[in-house]
């Protein structure tokens, strides 16, 4: 009788085999899911997103950086507050902060040394404006173009790349 029970126990173990241990079965399932996820991502999702060379060497990041336009150094001209042309009984003010983009740090230092002259130029330009002339997007673009043109005349050729308004408040 003992032999018969041993034979039945051996047959049950042979039927269950490796799948009887739940931890091993769970590990196999997790590994299969991970492989499927990586495969689907690399071969189906990444090509549809347009990401090229998304390998571990970082070549995609390097390519995107080289495609970006060359950016210069920004020099802040600090806040400028002027009185706009308006009714003398109700004066209107403009507070503006302008950043000047130049090609490199050497030119940025030259611009920084000329801050009083550049600020004076901007104050003279702004003092001649009305609140209505700079309240529209077209007016702001026109103001930016005028400031750029006038500053570019005062600077050596090719020094000024762009100007940016980081703050513009009419009160």
C-alpha atoms as a PDB file:
ATOM      1  CA  UNK A   1       0.000   0.000   0.000  1.00  0.00           C
ATOM      2  CA  UNK A   2       2.848   2.363   0.791  1.00  0.00           C
ATOM      3  CA  UNK A   3       4.286   1.661  -2.654  1.00  0.00           C
ATOM      4  CA  UNK A   4       0.994   2.583  -4.268  1.00  0.00           C
ATOM      5  CA  UNK A   5       0.877   5.982  -2.439  1.00  0.00           C
ATOM      6  CA  UNK A   6       4.472   6.732  -3.425  1.00  0.00           C
ATOM      7  CA  UNK A   7       3.713   6.050  -7.072  1.00  0.00           C
ATOM      8  CA  UNK A   8       0.624   8.348  -6.989  1.00  0.00           C
ATOM      9  CA  UNK A   9       2.630  11.169  -5.293  1.00  0.00           C
ATOM     10  CA  UNK A  10       5.381  10.902  -7.915  1.00  0.00           C
ATOM     11  CA  UNK A  11       2.819  11.045 -10.740  1.00  0.00           C
ATOM     12  CA  UNK A  12       1.202  14.234  -9.268  1.00  0.00           C
ATOM     13  CA  UNK A  13       4.597  15.954  -9.011  1.00  0.00           C
ATOM     14  CA  UNK A  14       5.423  15.002 -12.583  1.00  0.00           C
ATOM     15  CA  UNK A  15       2.132  16.491 -13.812  1.00  0.00           C
ATOM     16  CA  UNK A  16       2.650  19.831 -11.974  1.00  0.00           C
ATOM     17  CA  UNK A  17       6.344  20.099 -12.763  1.00  0.00           C
ATOM     18  CA  UNK A  18       7.752  23.622 -12.919  1.00  0.00           C
ATOM     19  CA  UNK A  19       4.330  25.314 -12.862  1.00  0.00           C
ATOM     20  CA  UNK A  20       3.603  24.053  -9.356  1.00  0.00           C
ATOM     21  CA  UNK A  21       5.915  26.682  -7.830  1.00  0.00           C
ATOM     22  CA  UNK A  22       3.905  29.942  -7.996  1.00  0.00           C
ATOM     23  CA  UNK A  23       6.930  32.221  -7.559  1.00  0.00           C
ATOM     24  CA  UNK A  24       8.671  30.792 -10.624  1.00  0.00           C
ATOM     25  CA  UNK A  25       5.466  31.042 -12.657  1.00  0.00           C
ATOM     26  CA  UNK A  26       4.995  34.675 -11.615  1.00  0.00           C
ATOM     27  CA  UNK A  27       8.620  35.474 -12.530  1.00  0.00           C
ATOM     28  CA  UNK A  28       8.194  33.966 -15.992  1.00  0.00           C
ATOM     29  CA  UNK A  29       5.021  36.001 -16.577  1.00  0.00           C
ATOM     30  CA  UNK A  30       6.732  39.258 -15.518  1.00  0.00           C
ATOM     31  CA  UNK A  31       9.735  38.622 -17.784  1.00  0.00           C
ATOM     32  CA  UNK A  32       7.494  37.833 -20.770  1.00  0.00           C
ATOM     33  CA  UNK A  33       5.476  41.023 -20.185  1.00  0.00           C
ATOM     34  CA  UNK A  34       8.625  43.133 -19.926  1.00  0.00           C
ATOM     35  CA  UNK A  35      10.014  41.716 -23.174  1.00  0.00           C
ATOM     36  CA  UNK A  36       6.696  42.353 -24.935  1.00  0.00           C
ATOM     37  CA  UNK A  37       6.526  45.937 -23.628  1.00  0.00           C
ATOM     38  CA  UNK A  38      10.059  46.748 -24.777  1.00  0.00           C
ATOM     39  CA  UNK A  39       9.469  45.128 -28.150  1.00  0.00           C
ATOM     40  CA  UNK A  40       6.211  46.974 -28.760  1.00  0.00           C
ATOM     41  CA  UNK A  41       7.763  50.266 -27.734  1.00  0.00           C
ATOM     42  CA  UNK A  42      10.845  49.922 -29.921  1.00  0.00           C
ATOM     43  CA  UNK A  43       9.188  48.544 -33.034  1.00  0.00           C
ATOM     44  CA  UNK A  44       5.679  50.004 -33.045  1.00  0.00           C
ATOM     45  CA  UNK A  45       5.396  53.127 -30.899  1.00  0.00           C
ATOM     46  CA  UNK A  46       8.786  54.849 -31.358  1.00  0.00           C
ATOM     47  CA  UNK A  47       8.700  54.800 -35.201  1.00  0.00           C
ATOM     48  CA  UNK A  48       5.199  56.329 -35.211  1.00  0.00           C
ATOM     49  CA  UNK A  49       6.338  59.153 -32.929  1.00  0.00           C
ATOM     50  CA  UNK A  50       9.122  59.991 -35.344  1.00  0.00           C
ATOM     51  CA  UNK A  51      11.921  59.496 -32.840  1.00  0.00           C
ATOM     52  CA  UNK A  52      15.014  58.365 -34.694  1.00  0.00           C
ATOM     53  CA  UNK A  53      17.948  56.519 -33.133  1.00  0.00           C
ATOM     54  CA  UNK A  54      16.410  56.290 -29.683  1.00  0.00           C
ATOM     55  CA  UNK A  55      19.252  54.114 -28.504  1.00  0.00           C
ATOM     56  CA  UNK A  56      21.156  54.244 -25.260  1.00  0.00           C
ATOM     57  CA  UNK A  57      24.057  56.238 -26.745  1.00  0.00           C
ATOM     58  CA  UNK A  58      22.070  59.522 -26.697  1.00  0.00           C
ATOM     59  CA  UNK A  59      22.483  60.182 -30.401  1.00  0.00           C
ATOM     60  CA  UNK A  60      18.873  61.392 -30.692  1.00  0.00           C
ATOM     61  CA  UNK A  61      19.498  64.054 -28.091  1.00  0.00           C
ATOM     62  CA  UNK A  62      22.663  65.148 -29.859  1.00  0.00           C
ATOM     63  CA  UNK A  63      20.882  65.404 -33.211  1.00  0.00           C
ATOM     64  CA  UNK A  64      18.078  67.550 -31.795  1.00  0.00           C
ATOM     65  CA  UNK A  65      20.570  69.922 -30.178  1.00  0.00           C
ATOM     66  CA  UNK A  66      22.522  70.365 -33.407  1.00  0.00           C
ATOM     67  CA  UNK A  67      19.314  71.190 -35.300  1.00  0.00           C
ATOM     68  CA  UNK A  68      18.426  74.027 -32.897  1.00  0.00           C
ATOM     69  CA  UNK A  69      19.207  77.538 -34.067  1.00  0.00           C
ATOM     70  CA  UNK A  70      22.303  79.142 -32.589  1.00  0.00           C
ATOM     71  CA  UNK A  71      21.384  81.002 -29.458  1.00  0.00           C
ATOM     72  CA  UNK A  72      23.261  83.991 -28.136  1.00  0.00           C
ATOM     73  CA  UNK A  73      23.888  85.516 -24.733  1.00  0.00           C
ATOM     74  CA  UNK A  74      21.150  87.636 -23.168  1.00  0.00           C
ATOM     75  CA  UNK A  75      21.898  90.973 -21.516  1.00  0.00           C
ATOM     76  CA  UNK A  76      19.160  92.447 -19.315  1.00  0.00           C
ATOM     77  CA  UNK A  77      18.698  96.216 -19.603  1.00  0.00           C
ATOM     78  CA  UNK A  78      16.706  96.227 -16.333  1.00  0.00           C
ATOM     79  CA  UNK A  79      13.310  97.841 -15.746  1.00  0.00           C
ATOM     80  CA  UNK A  80      12.653 101.114 -17.530  1.00  0.00           C
ATOM     81  CA  UNK A  81       9.732 103.324 -16.475  1.00  0.00           C
ATOM     82  CA  UNK A  82       8.610 106.235 -18.673  1.00  0.00           C
ATOM     83  CA  UNK A  83       5.674 108.594 -18.885  1.00  0.00           C
ATOM     84  CA  UNK A  84       3.768 108.113 -22.129  1.00  0.00           C
ATOM     85  CA  UNK A  85       2.250 110.890 -24.217  1.00  0.00           C
ATOM     86  CA  UNK A  86      -1.235 111.303 -22.731  1.00  0.00           C
ATOM     87  CA  UNK A  87      -3.613 113.738 -21.030  1.00  0.00           C
ATOM     88  CA  UNK A  88      -1.584 115.754 -18.474  1.00  0.00           C
ATOM     89  CA  UNK A  89      -4.414 115.467 -15.928  1.00  0.00           C
ATOM     90  CA  UNK A  90      -4.214 111.673 -16.108  1.00  0.00           C
ATOM     91  CA  UNK A  91      -0.616 110.624 -16.843  1.00  0.00           C
ATOM     92  CA  UNK A  92      -0.007 107.140 -18.244  1.00  0.00           C
ATOM     93  CA  UNK A  93       3.131 105.151 -17.499  1.00  0.00           C
ATOM     94  CA  UNK A  94       4.970 102.323 -19.190  1.00  0.00           C
ATOM     95  CA  UNK A  95       7.185  99.835 -17.389  1.00  0.00           C
ATOM     96  CA  UNK A  96       9.249  97.672 -19.684  1.00  0.00           C
ATOM     97  CA  UNK A  97      12.095  95.210 -19.265  1.00  0.00           C
ATOM     98  CA  UNK A  98      14.163  94.480 -22.356  1.00  0.00           C
ATOM     99  CA  UNK A  99      16.725  91.728 -22.935  1.00  0.00           C
ATOM    100  CA  UNK A 100      19.260  92.091 -25.725  1.00  0.00           C
ATOM    101  CA  UNK A 101      20.591  88.949 -27.448  1.00  0.00           C
ATOM    102  CA  UNK A 102      24.199  89.114 -28.637  1.00  0.00           C
ATOM    103  CA  UNK A 103      26.397  86.403 -30.222  1.00  0.00           C
ATOM    104  CA  UNK A 104      28.874  85.772 -27.382  1.00  0.00           C
ATOM    105  CA  UNK A 105      30.019  86.671 -23.882  1.00  0.00           C
ATOM    106  CA  UNK A 106      32.666  89.172 -25.042  1.00  0.00           C
ATOM    107  CA  UNK A 107      30.067  91.266 -26.845  1.00  0.00           C
ATOM    108  CA  UNK A 108      27.715  90.862 -23.863  1.00  0.00           C
ATOM    109  CA  UNK A 109      30.338  92.527 -21.680  1.00  0.00           C
ATOM    110  CA  UNK A 110      30.649  95.397 -24.186  1.00  0.00           C
ATOM    111  CA  UNK A 111      26.860  95.843 -24.161  1.00  0.00           C
ATOM    112  CA  UNK A 112      26.847  95.754 -20.346  1.00  0.00           C
ATOM    113  CA  UNK A 113      29.434  98.516 -20.262  1.00  0.00           C
ATOM    114  CA  UNK A 114      27.137 100.612 -22.501  1.00  0.00           C
ATOM    115  CA  UNK A 115      23.925 100.099 -20.485  1.00  0.00           C
ATOM    116  CA  UNK A 116      23.390 103.808 -19.671  1.00  0.00           C
ATOM    117  CA  UNK A 117      23.576 104.778 -23.344  1.00  0.00           C
ATOM    118  CA  UNK A 118      21.239 101.983 -24.438  1.00  0.00           C
ATOM    119  CA  UNK A 119      18.750 102.729 -21.665  1.00  0.00           C
ATOM    120  CA  UNK A 120      18.773 106.418 -22.631  1.00  0.00           C
ATOM    121  CA  UNK A 121      18.085 105.523 -26.255  1.00  0.00           C
ATOM    122  CA  UNK A 122      15.138 103.337 -25.232  1.00  0.00           C
ATOM    123  CA  UNK A 123      13.747 105.982 -22.858  1.00  0.00           C
ATOM    124  CA  UNK A 124      13.802 108.552 -25.660  1.00  0.00           C
ATOM    125  CA  UNK A 125      12.010 106.169 -28.025  1.00  0.00           C
ATOM    126  CA  UNK A 126       9.352 105.236 -25.460  1.00  0.00           C
ATOM    127  CA  UNK A 127       8.692 108.801 -24.278  1.00  0.00           C
ATOM    128  CA  UNK A 128       7.298 109.632 -27.705  1.00  0.00           C
ATOM    129  CA  UNK A 129       4.691 106.818 -27.663  1.00  0.00           C
ATOM    130  CA  UNK A 130       1.006 106.901 -26.735  1.00  0.00           C
ATOM    131  CA  UNK A 131      -0.749 104.140 -24.768  1.00  0.00           C
ATOM    132  CA  UNK A 132      -2.920 103.417 -27.793  1.00  0.00           C
ATOM    133  CA  UNK A 133       0.059 102.967 -30.109  1.00  0.00           C
ATOM    134  CA  UNK A 134       1.529 100.133 -28.020  1.00  0.00           C
ATOM    135  CA  UNK A 135      -1.654  98.483 -26.749  1.00  0.00           C
ATOM    136  CA  UNK A 136      -2.111  96.192 -29.767  1.00  0.00           C
ATOM    137  CA  UNK A 137       0.104  93.261 -30.781  1.00  0.00           C
ATOM    138  CA  UNK A 138       1.010  95.106 -33.984  1.00  0.00           C
ATOM    139  CA  UNK A 139       1.995  98.156 -31.936  1.00  0.00           C
ATOM    140  CA  UNK A 140       4.242  96.052 -29.697  1.00  0.00           C
ATOM    141  CA  UNK A 141       5.862  94.434 -32.734  1.00  0.00           C
ATOM    142  CA  UNK A 142       6.394  97.866 -34.299  1.00  0.00           C
ATOM    143  CA  UNK A 143       7.940  99.102 -31.043  1.00  0.00           C
ATOM    144  CA  UNK A 144      10.259  96.099 -30.907  1.00  0.00           C
ATOM    145  CA  UNK A 145      11.314  96.671 -34.533  1.00  0.00           C
ATOM    146  CA  UNK A 146      11.984 100.373 -33.911  1.00  0.00           C
ATOM    147  CA  UNK A 147      14.032  99.692 -30.764  1.00  0.00           C
ATOM    148  CA  UNK A 148      16.008  96.989 -32.583  1.00  0.00           C
ATOM    149  CA  UNK A 149      16.700  99.242 -35.557  1.00  0.00           C
ATOM    150  CA  UNK A 150      17.787 102.207 -33.446  1.00  0.00           C
ATOM    151  CA  UNK A 151      19.963 100.085 -31.143  1.00  0.00           C
ATOM    152  CA  UNK A 152      21.524  98.316 -34.128  1.00  0.00           C
ATOM    153  CA  UNK A 153      22.577 101.718 -35.500  1.00  0.00           C
ATOM    154  CA  UNK A 154      24.473 102.438 -32.269  1.00  0.00           C
ATOM    155  CA  UNK A 155      26.182  99.045 -32.040  1.00  0.00           C
ATOM    156  CA  UNK A 156      28.956  97.587 -34.246  1.00  0.00           C
ATOM    157  CA  UNK A 157      27.748  95.613 -37.285  1.00  0.00           C
ATOM    158  CA  UNK A 158      26.405  92.128 -36.463  1.00  0.00           C
ATOM    159  CA  UNK A 159      26.458  92.702 -32.696  1.00  0.00           C
ATOM    160  CA  UNK A 160      22.734  92.654 -32.062  1.00  0.00           C
ATOM    161  CA  UNK A 161      20.886  89.389 -32.751  1.00  0.00           C
ATOM    162  CA  UNK A 162      17.469  90.141 -31.256  1.00  0.00           C
ATOM    163  CA  UNK A 163      15.643  91.944 -28.474  1.00  0.00           C
ATOM    164  CA  UNK A 164      12.977  90.530 -26.195  1.00  0.00           C
ATOM    165  CA  UNK A 165      10.399  92.170 -23.957  1.00  0.00           C
ATOM    166  CA  UNK A 166      10.309  90.239 -20.703  1.00  0.00           C
ATOM    167  CA  UNK A 167       7.902  92.716 -19.100  1.00  0.00           C
ATOM    168  CA  UNK A 168       5.620  95.369 -20.599  1.00  0.00           C
ATOM    169  CA  UNK A 169       2.956  97.078 -18.469  1.00  0.00           C
ATOM    170  CA  UNK A 170       0.971 100.183 -19.366  1.00  0.00           C
ATOM    171  CA  UNK A 171      -0.744 101.912 -16.474  1.00  0.00           C
END
